């Protein structure tokens, strides 16, 4: 009986030390004004870049468009999955007359990665076929060497 009592006390002390030794979860820090301002500035930069890259595509300025793209860029749209070269070649088949952006929102899963989501209403044709409508868009931007580069962009027509 004495042995069981000693084992029970020892187990209780061990369990208590394990429980007390664990760190209590700390609440996530509230963002400071500086961090919020910095995020707002980064969001503004990424939104402006998205508008510039879309404008370069619309106006068929291939060299300007390519400057915004990462070497491993991929586009997913109704025409399929395209890399940089196929996207540049496909640019010539588009006739974009107008783009109107709405609900642009940037999130930053890490300091050097931005995910931008929005809707774009467009008046356009692709290879003579009307592709006008409203599209849901998601773009992933990554900061490399001090520059934000477009890694991936998806276009999905709204129903």
N, C-alpha and C. Protein backbone atom coordinates (compact mmCIF):
# COMPACT_ATOMS: atom_id res chain seq x y z
N UNK A 1 0.82 -1.19 0.00
CA UNK A 1 0.00 0.00 0.00
C UNK A 1 0.87 1.25 0.00
N UNK A 2 1.95 1.19 0.81
CA UNK A 2 2.85 2.32 0.89
C UNK A 2 3.49 2.59 -0.48
N UNK A 3 3.82 1.51 -1.16
CA UNK A 3 4.43 1.63 -2.50
C UNK A 3 3.46 2.30 -3.47
N UNK A 4 2.18 1.94 -3.47
CA UNK A 4 1.18 2.54 -4.34
C UNK A 4 1.00 4.02 -4.03
N UNK A 5 1.04 4.35 -2.72
CA UNK A 5 0.91 5.74 -2.32
C UNK A 5 2.08 6.56 -2.85
N UNK A 6 3.30 6.04 -2.77
CA UNK A 6 4.49 6.73 -3.26
C UNK A 6 4.40 6.90 -4.78
N UNK A 7 3.98 5.89 -5.49
CA UNK A 7 3.83 5.97 -6.95
C UNK A 7 2.76 6.99 -7.32
N UNK A 8 1.67 7.00 -6.58
CA UNK A 8 0.60 7.95 -6.86
C UNK A 8 1.10 9.39 -6.65
N UNK A 9 1.80 9.63 -5.55
CA UNK A 9 2.34 10.97 -5.28
C UNK A 9 3.36 11.36 -6.35
N UNK A 10 4.21 10.43 -6.70
CA UNK A 10 5.21 10.70 -7.74
C UNK A 10 4.53 11.04 -9.07
N UNK A 11 3.50 10.30 -9.43
CA UNK A 11 2.76 10.57 -10.68
C UNK A 11 2.08 11.92 -10.63
N UNK A 12 1.53 12.26 -9.47
CA UNK A 12 0.87 13.55 -9.32
C UNK A 12 1.86 14.70 -9.47
N UNK A 13 3.03 14.57 -8.85
CA UNK A 13 4.07 15.60 -8.97
C UNK A 13 4.55 15.71 -10.42
N UNK A 14 4.74 14.58 -11.09
CA UNK A 14 5.20 14.59 -12.48
C UNK A 14 4.15 15.23 -13.39
N UNK A 15 2.89 14.87 -13.20
CA UNK A 15 1.83 15.44 -14.03
C UNK A 15 1.70 16.94 -13.78
N UNK A 16 1.80 17.35 -12.52
CA UNK A 16 1.70 18.77 -12.21
C UNK A 16 2.85 19.55 -12.83
N UNK A 17 4.06 18.99 -12.77
CA UNK A 17 5.21 19.70 -13.35
C UNK A 17 5.09 19.79 -14.87
N UNK A 18 4.56 18.77 -15.49
CA UNK A 18 4.37 18.82 -16.94
C UNK A 18 3.32 19.88 -17.30
N UNK A 19 2.21 19.89 -16.57
CA UNK A 19 1.15 20.86 -16.85
C UNK A 19 1.63 22.29 -16.61
N UNK A 20 2.32 22.50 -15.50
CA UNK A 20 2.77 23.85 -15.18
C UNK A 20 3.94 24.29 -16.06
N UNK A 21 4.65 23.35 -16.60
CA UNK A 21 5.80 23.68 -17.44
C UNK A 21 5.44 24.12 -18.85
N UNK A 22 4.20 23.89 -19.25
CA UNK A 22 3.78 24.29 -20.59
C UNK A 22 3.51 25.78 -20.61
N UNK A 23 3.86 26.39 -21.76
CA UNK A 23 3.60 27.81 -21.92
C UNK A 23 2.12 28.04 -22.19
N UNK A 24 1.60 29.07 -21.58
CA UNK A 24 0.22 29.41 -21.86
C UNK A 24 0.19 30.17 -23.17
N UNK A 25 -0.83 29.96 -23.97
CA UNK A 25 -0.88 30.68 -25.24
C UNK A 25 -0.99 32.18 -25.00
N UNK A 26 -0.20 32.90 -25.74
CA UNK A 26 -0.24 34.35 -25.62
C UNK A 26 -1.18 34.89 -26.69
N UNK A 27 -1.95 35.86 -26.35
CA UNK A 27 -2.83 36.42 -27.37
C UNK A 27 -1.99 37.08 -28.46
N UNK A 28 -2.50 37.03 -29.69
CA UNK A 28 -1.76 37.65 -30.78
C UNK A 28 -1.70 39.16 -30.54
N UNK A 29 -0.54 39.73 -30.80
CA UNK A 29 -0.41 41.16 -30.54
C UNK A 29 -1.32 41.97 -31.47
N UNK A 30 -1.84 43.03 -30.93
CA UNK A 30 -2.66 43.90 -31.78
C UNK A 30 -1.73 44.70 -32.67
N UNK A 31 -2.10 44.88 -33.92
CA UNK A 31 -1.22 45.62 -34.82
C UNK A 31 -1.05 47.07 -34.36
N UNK A 32 0.17 47.51 -34.46
CA UNK A 32 0.42 48.90 -34.11
C UNK A 32 0.04 49.77 -35.30
N UNK A 33 -0.06 51.05 -35.06
CA UNK A 33 -0.39 51.95 -36.17
C UNK A 33 0.65 51.86 -37.27
N UNK A 34 1.93 51.69 -36.87
CA UNK A 34 3.00 51.62 -37.86
C UNK A 34 2.81 50.40 -38.75
N UNK A 35 2.51 49.24 -38.15
CA UNK A 35 2.30 48.03 -38.95
C UNK A 35 1.08 48.18 -39.85
N UNK A 36 0.01 48.75 -39.32
CA UNK A 36 -1.18 48.95 -40.14
C UNK A 36 -0.90 49.89 -41.29
N UNK A 37 -0.14 50.95 -41.02
CA UNK A 37 0.22 51.90 -42.09
C UNK A 37 1.10 51.22 -43.12
N UNK A 38 2.04 50.40 -42.64
CA UNK A 38 2.93 49.71 -43.56
C UNK A 38 2.15 48.74 -44.43
N UNK A 39 1.19 48.03 -43.85
CA UNK A 39 0.36 47.10 -44.63
C UNK A 39 -0.50 47.85 -45.65
N UNK A 40 -1.03 48.99 -45.25
CA UNK A 40 -1.83 49.79 -46.18
C UNK A 40 -0.98 50.28 -47.33
N UNK A 41 0.26 50.66 -47.04
CA UNK A 41 1.18 51.10 -48.09
C UNK A 41 1.50 49.94 -49.03
N UNK A 42 1.78 48.76 -48.47
CA UNK A 42 2.07 47.59 -49.30
C UNK A 42 0.85 47.22 -50.15
N UNK A 43 -0.33 47.31 -49.56
CA UNK A 43 -1.55 46.99 -50.31
C UNK A 43 -1.71 47.96 -51.47
N UNK A 44 -1.49 49.24 -51.22
CA UNK A 44 -1.61 50.24 -52.28
C UNK A 44 -0.61 49.95 -53.41
N UNK A 45 0.61 49.58 -53.05
CA UNK A 45 1.64 49.27 -54.05
C UNK A 45 1.20 48.09 -54.91
N UNK A 46 0.73 47.02 -54.27
CA UNK A 46 0.35 45.82 -55.02
C UNK A 46 -0.87 46.09 -55.90
N UNK A 47 -1.83 46.85 -55.40
CA UNK A 47 -3.01 47.19 -56.20
C UNK A 47 -2.59 48.00 -57.43
N UNK A 48 -1.71 48.97 -57.24
CA UNK A 48 -1.23 49.77 -58.37
C UNK A 48 -0.48 48.91 -59.38
N UNK A 49 0.33 47.97 -58.90
CA UNK A 49 1.04 47.08 -59.82
C UNK A 49 0.08 46.21 -60.62
N UNK A 50 -0.96 45.72 -59.95
CA UNK A 50 -1.96 44.89 -60.64
C UNK A 50 -2.64 45.70 -61.74
N UNK A 51 -2.98 46.94 -61.44
CA UNK A 51 -3.61 47.79 -62.46
C UNK A 51 -2.64 48.07 -63.60
N UNK A 52 -1.36 48.30 -63.30
CA UNK A 52 -0.37 48.57 -64.34
C UNK A 52 -0.14 47.36 -65.23
N UNK A 53 -0.01 46.18 -64.64
CA UNK A 53 0.23 44.98 -65.44
C UNK A 53 -0.99 44.68 -66.32
N UNK A 54 -2.18 44.92 -65.80
CA UNK A 54 -3.40 44.71 -66.59
C UNK A 54 -3.49 45.72 -67.74
N UNK A 55 -3.11 46.95 -67.46
CA UNK A 55 -3.10 48.00 -68.50
C UNK A 55 -2.06 47.68 -69.58
N UNK A 56 -0.89 47.19 -69.18
CA UNK A 56 0.14 46.83 -70.16
C UNK A 56 -0.36 45.70 -71.07
N UNK A 57 -1.06 44.71 -70.47
CA UNK A 57 -1.64 43.62 -71.27
C UNK A 57 -2.69 44.17 -72.22
N UNK A 58 -3.57 45.01 -71.71
CA UNK A 58 -4.65 45.59 -72.51
C UNK A 58 -4.09 46.34 -73.73
N UNK A 59 -3.02 47.10 -73.51
CA UNK A 59 -2.44 47.90 -74.58
C UNK A 59 -1.35 47.17 -75.37
N UNK A 60 -1.21 45.88 -75.11
CA UNK A 60 -0.27 45.01 -75.83
C UNK A 60 1.17 45.53 -75.77
N UNK A 61 1.56 46.03 -74.61
CA UNK A 61 2.94 46.46 -74.39
C UNK A 61 3.70 45.29 -73.76
N UNK A 62 4.16 44.40 -74.61
CA UNK A 62 4.73 43.13 -74.18
C UNK A 62 5.94 43.30 -73.26
N UNK A 63 6.86 44.18 -73.60
CA UNK A 63 8.06 44.35 -72.77
C UNK A 63 7.71 44.88 -71.39
N UNK A 64 6.80 45.84 -71.32
CA UNK A 64 6.37 46.37 -70.02
C UNK A 64 5.66 45.27 -69.23
N UNK A 65 4.77 44.53 -69.88
CA UNK A 65 4.04 43.45 -69.23
C UNK A 65 5.01 42.42 -68.65
N UNK A 66 6.00 42.04 -69.44
CA UNK A 66 6.96 41.01 -69.04
C UNK A 66 7.80 41.45 -67.83
N UNK A 67 8.06 42.76 -67.69
CA UNK A 67 8.86 43.26 -66.56
C UNK A 67 8.20 42.94 -65.22
N UNK A 68 6.88 42.83 -65.19
CA UNK A 68 6.15 42.56 -63.96
C UNK A 68 6.07 41.06 -63.62
N UNK A 69 6.45 40.21 -64.55
CA UNK A 69 6.26 38.77 -64.37
C UNK A 69 7.51 38.08 -63.86
N UNK A 70 7.31 37.15 -62.92
CA UNK A 70 8.40 36.29 -62.45
C UNK A 70 8.69 35.26 -63.55
N UNK A 71 9.92 34.75 -63.61
CA UNK A 71 10.24 33.76 -64.65
C UNK A 71 9.31 32.53 -64.60
N UNK A 72 8.84 32.16 -63.42
CA UNK A 72 7.98 30.98 -63.28
C UNK A 72 6.49 31.34 -63.30
N UNK A 73 6.16 32.53 -63.77
CA UNK A 73 4.77 32.99 -63.85
C UNK A 73 3.89 31.96 -64.53
N UNK A 74 2.65 31.83 -64.01
CA UNK A 74 1.66 30.97 -64.63
C UNK A 74 0.31 31.68 -64.57
N UNK A 75 -0.44 31.57 -65.65
CA UNK A 75 -1.77 32.15 -65.74
C UNK A 75 -2.77 31.03 -65.96
N UNK A 76 -3.88 31.09 -65.22
CA UNK A 76 -4.95 30.10 -65.39
C UNK A 76 -6.20 30.89 -65.76
N UNK A 77 -6.69 30.66 -66.98
CA UNK A 77 -7.87 31.38 -67.45
C UNK A 77 -8.65 30.48 -68.40
N UNK A 78 -9.74 30.95 -68.97
CA UNK A 78 -10.54 30.09 -69.85
C UNK A 78 -9.76 29.51 -71.03
N UNK A 79 -8.65 30.15 -71.44
CA UNK A 79 -7.87 29.64 -72.55
C UNK A 79 -6.91 28.53 -72.12
N UNK A 80 -6.75 28.33 -70.82
CA UNK A 80 -5.91 27.25 -70.33
C UNK A 80 -4.87 27.75 -69.33
N UNK A 81 -3.82 26.97 -69.19
CA UNK A 81 -2.72 27.30 -68.29
C UNK A 81 -1.56 27.75 -69.15
N UNK A 82 -1.05 28.95 -68.86
CA UNK A 82 -0.01 29.53 -69.70
C UNK A 82 1.17 30.00 -68.86
N UNK A 83 2.37 29.87 -69.45
CA UNK A 83 3.56 30.42 -68.83
C UNK A 83 3.83 31.79 -69.44
N UNK A 84 4.98 32.38 -69.13
CA UNK A 84 5.29 33.73 -69.62
C UNK A 84 5.22 33.80 -71.14
N UNK A 85 5.91 32.89 -71.81
CA UNK A 85 5.99 32.94 -73.27
C UNK A 85 4.62 32.75 -73.94
N UNK A 86 3.84 31.78 -73.45
CA UNK A 86 2.54 31.55 -74.08
C UNK A 86 1.57 32.70 -73.76
N UNK A 87 1.72 33.32 -72.58
CA UNK A 87 0.88 34.47 -72.24
C UNK A 87 1.20 35.65 -73.16
N UNK A 88 2.49 35.87 -73.43
CA UNK A 88 2.89 36.95 -74.34
C UNK A 88 2.38 36.69 -75.76
N UNK A 89 2.45 35.45 -76.21
CA UNK A 89 1.96 35.11 -77.54
C UNK A 89 0.45 35.27 -77.61
N UNK A 90 -0.24 34.89 -76.55
CA UNK A 90 -1.70 34.97 -76.50
C UNK A 90 -2.19 36.42 -76.42
N UNK A 91 -1.34 37.31 -75.91
CA UNK A 91 -1.69 38.72 -75.78
C UNK A 91 -2.14 39.31 -77.11
N UNK A 92 -1.52 38.90 -78.18
CA UNK A 92 -1.84 39.43 -79.51
C UNK A 92 -3.25 39.05 -79.97
N UNK A 93 -3.81 37.98 -79.41
CA UNK A 93 -5.15 37.53 -79.81
C UNK A 93 -6.26 38.28 -79.08
N UNK A 94 -5.89 39.06 -78.05
CA UNK A 94 -6.88 39.80 -77.26
C UNK A 94 -7.07 41.20 -77.80
N UNK A 95 -8.33 41.65 -77.74
CA UNK A 95 -8.65 43.04 -77.98
C UNK A 95 -9.47 43.49 -76.77
N UNK A 96 -8.80 44.13 -75.83
CA UNK A 96 -9.45 44.58 -74.59
C UNK A 96 -9.77 46.05 -74.75
N UNK A 97 -11.05 46.38 -74.65
CA UNK A 97 -11.48 47.77 -74.81
C UNK A 97 -11.62 48.47 -73.47
N UNK A 98 -12.00 47.73 -72.43
CA UNK A 98 -12.24 48.38 -71.14
C UNK A 98 -12.13 47.36 -70.01
N UNK A 99 -11.56 47.81 -68.88
CA UNK A 99 -11.52 47.03 -67.64
C UNK A 99 -11.98 47.93 -66.50
N UNK A 100 -12.86 47.41 -65.66
CA UNK A 100 -13.31 48.13 -64.47
C UNK A 100 -13.09 47.22 -63.27
N UNK A 101 -12.28 47.68 -62.32
CA UNK A 101 -11.93 46.90 -61.14
C UNK A 101 -12.89 47.18 -59.99
N UNK A 102 -13.17 46.16 -59.17
CA UNK A 102 -14.02 46.32 -57.99
C UNK A 102 -13.56 45.37 -56.89
N UNK A 103 -13.80 45.77 -55.67
CA UNK A 103 -13.56 44.93 -54.49
C UNK A 103 -12.13 44.41 -54.38
N UNK A 104 -11.15 45.26 -54.70
CA UNK A 104 -9.75 44.82 -54.61
C UNK A 104 -9.34 44.71 -53.15
N UNK A 105 -8.76 43.56 -52.82
CA UNK A 105 -8.31 43.32 -51.46
C UNK A 105 -7.00 42.54 -51.50
N UNK A 106 -6.01 43.02 -50.75
CA UNK A 106 -4.73 42.34 -50.67
C UNK A 106 -4.56 41.74 -49.28
N UNK A 107 -4.06 40.53 -49.23
CA UNK A 107 -3.66 39.90 -47.98
C UNK A 107 -2.20 39.51 -48.10
N UNK A 108 -1.52 39.47 -46.98
CA UNK A 108 -0.09 39.19 -46.97
C UNK A 108 0.19 37.99 -46.07
N UNK A 109 0.23 36.78 -46.65
CA UNK A 109 0.51 35.60 -45.83
C UNK A 109 1.93 35.63 -45.25
N UNK A 110 2.82 36.38 -45.88
CA UNK A 110 4.16 36.62 -45.35
C UNK A 110 4.59 38.00 -45.84
N UNK A 111 5.64 38.58 -45.27
CA UNK A 111 6.03 39.94 -45.66
C UNK A 111 6.37 40.11 -47.15
N UNK A 112 6.76 39.02 -47.80
CA UNK A 112 7.17 39.12 -49.20
C UNK A 112 6.21 38.44 -50.17
N UNK A 113 5.01 38.13 -49.70
CA UNK A 113 4.00 37.50 -50.56
C UNK A 113 2.68 38.23 -50.37
N UNK A 114 2.07 38.59 -51.50
CA UNK A 114 0.77 39.26 -51.49
C UNK A 114 -0.20 38.47 -52.35
N UNK A 115 -1.40 38.28 -51.83
CA UNK A 115 -2.48 37.65 -52.59
C UNK A 115 -3.55 38.71 -52.79
N UNK A 116 -3.82 39.02 -54.04
CA UNK A 116 -4.77 40.06 -54.39
C UNK A 116 -6.00 39.41 -55.01
N UNK A 117 -7.18 39.76 -54.50
CA UNK A 117 -8.43 39.24 -55.07
C UNK A 117 -9.31 40.42 -55.44
N UNK A 118 -10.05 40.27 -56.54
CA UNK A 118 -10.94 41.34 -56.99
C UNK A 118 -11.84 40.84 -58.11
N UNK A 119 -12.73 41.71 -58.52
CA UNK A 119 -13.58 41.46 -59.68
C UNK A 119 -13.19 42.46 -60.76
N UNK A 120 -13.22 42.02 -61.99
CA UNK A 120 -12.98 42.92 -63.11
C UNK A 120 -14.09 42.71 -64.14
N UNK A 121 -14.68 43.81 -64.53
CA UNK A 121 -15.66 43.78 -65.63
C UNK A 121 -14.91 44.24 -66.87
N UNK A 122 -14.98 43.45 -67.91
CA UNK A 122 -14.19 43.74 -69.11
C UNK A 122 -15.04 43.68 -70.36
N UNK A 123 -14.65 44.49 -71.31
CA UNK A 123 -15.20 44.45 -72.66
C UNK A 123 -14.05 43.99 -73.54
N UNK A 124 -14.11 42.76 -74.04
CA UNK A 124 -12.97 42.22 -74.77
C UNK A 124 -13.37 41.10 -75.71
N UNK A 125 -12.45 40.80 -76.63
CA UNK A 125 -12.57 39.63 -77.49
C UNK A 125 -11.25 38.88 -77.46
N UNK A 126 -11.32 37.58 -77.70
CA UNK A 126 -10.13 36.74 -77.82
C UNK A 126 -10.27 35.94 -79.10
N UNK A 127 -9.36 36.15 -80.01
CA UNK A 127 -9.39 35.47 -81.31
C UNK A 127 -10.75 35.65 -81.98
N UNK A 128 -11.31 36.87 -81.86
CA UNK A 128 -12.58 37.18 -82.51
C UNK A 128 -13.82 36.79 -81.72
N UNK A 129 -13.68 36.02 -80.66
CA UNK A 129 -14.81 35.60 -79.85
C UNK A 129 -15.01 36.57 -78.68
N UNK A 130 -16.25 36.94 -78.42
CA UNK A 130 -16.55 37.86 -77.32
C UNK A 130 -16.27 37.19 -75.99
N UNK A 131 -15.42 37.82 -75.17
CA UNK A 131 -15.10 37.31 -73.84
C UNK A 131 -15.51 38.33 -72.77
N UNK A 132 -16.36 39.27 -73.13
CA UNK A 132 -16.79 40.30 -72.19
C UNK A 132 -17.53 39.68 -71.02
N UNK A 133 -17.44 40.35 -69.88
CA UNK A 133 -18.15 39.88 -68.70
C UNK A 133 -17.43 40.29 -67.44
N UNK A 134 -17.91 39.74 -66.34
CA UNK A 134 -17.28 39.99 -65.04
C UNK A 134 -16.53 38.74 -64.64
N UNK A 135 -15.29 38.94 -64.22
CA UNK A 135 -14.42 37.84 -63.84
C UNK A 135 -13.97 38.01 -62.39
N UNK A 136 -13.83 36.89 -61.70
CA UNK A 136 -13.19 36.87 -60.39
C UNK A 136 -11.71 36.60 -60.65
N UNK A 137 -10.87 37.40 -60.00
CA UNK A 137 -9.43 37.31 -60.26
C UNK A 137 -8.69 37.13 -58.94
N UNK A 138 -7.67 36.30 -58.98
CA UNK A 138 -6.74 36.15 -57.86
C UNK A 138 -5.33 36.22 -58.42
N UNK A 139 -4.51 37.08 -57.83
CA UNK A 139 -3.12 37.22 -58.26
C UNK A 139 -2.21 37.03 -57.06
N UNK A 140 -1.09 36.38 -57.30
CA UNK A 140 -0.09 36.20 -56.25
C UNK A 140 1.17 36.95 -56.67
N UNK A 141 1.59 37.87 -55.82
CA UNK A 141 2.78 38.67 -56.05
C UNK A 141 3.84 38.28 -55.02
N UNK A 142 5.11 38.29 -55.43
CA UNK A 142 6.20 37.98 -54.52
C UNK A 142 7.29 39.05 -54.67
N UNK A 143 7.81 39.48 -53.54
CA UNK A 143 8.86 40.50 -53.55
C UNK A 143 10.21 39.81 -53.64
N UNK A 144 10.95 40.16 -54.69
CA UNK A 144 12.29 39.60 -54.91
C UNK A 144 13.22 40.72 -55.31
N UNK A 145 14.36 40.79 -54.66
CA UNK A 145 15.35 41.80 -55.02
C UNK A 145 14.79 43.21 -54.95
N UNK A 146 13.86 43.44 -54.03
CA UNK A 146 13.28 44.77 -53.88
C UNK A 146 12.13 45.07 -54.83
N UNK A 147 11.79 44.14 -55.71
CA UNK A 147 10.70 44.35 -56.67
C UNK A 147 9.59 43.32 -56.47
N UNK A 148 8.36 43.76 -56.61
CA UNK A 148 7.22 42.85 -56.58
C UNK A 148 7.04 42.25 -57.97
N UNK A 149 6.95 40.92 -58.06
CA UNK A 149 6.76 40.21 -59.32
C UNK A 149 5.51 39.35 -59.26
N UNK A 150 4.80 39.31 -60.37
CA UNK A 150 3.58 38.51 -60.46
C UNK A 150 3.96 37.05 -60.68
N UNK A 151 3.52 36.19 -59.78
CA UNK A 151 3.85 34.76 -59.83
C UNK A 151 2.73 33.97 -60.52
N UNK A 152 1.49 34.28 -60.14
CA UNK A 152 0.35 33.51 -60.63
C UNK A 152 -0.88 34.41 -60.70
N UNK A 153 -1.67 34.19 -61.72
CA UNK A 153 -2.93 34.93 -61.86
C UNK A 153 -3.99 33.98 -62.39
N UNK A 154 -5.16 34.04 -61.80
CA UNK A 154 -6.28 33.23 -62.26
C UNK A 154 -7.46 34.13 -62.61
N UNK A 155 -8.18 33.78 -63.67
CA UNK A 155 -9.40 34.46 -64.10
C UNK A 155 -10.51 33.43 -64.18
N UNK A 156 -11.61 33.71 -63.50
CA UNK A 156 -12.75 32.81 -63.57
C UNK A 156 -14.00 33.66 -63.80
N UNK A 157 -14.72 33.36 -64.86
CA UNK A 157 -15.91 34.15 -65.19
C UNK A 157 -16.99 33.94 -64.14
N UNK A 158 -17.58 35.06 -63.70
CA UNK A 158 -18.68 35.01 -62.73
C UNK A 158 -19.92 34.44 -63.40
N UNK A 159 -20.71 33.75 -62.63
CA UNK A 159 -21.94 33.16 -63.17
C UNK A 159 -23.07 34.14 -63.15
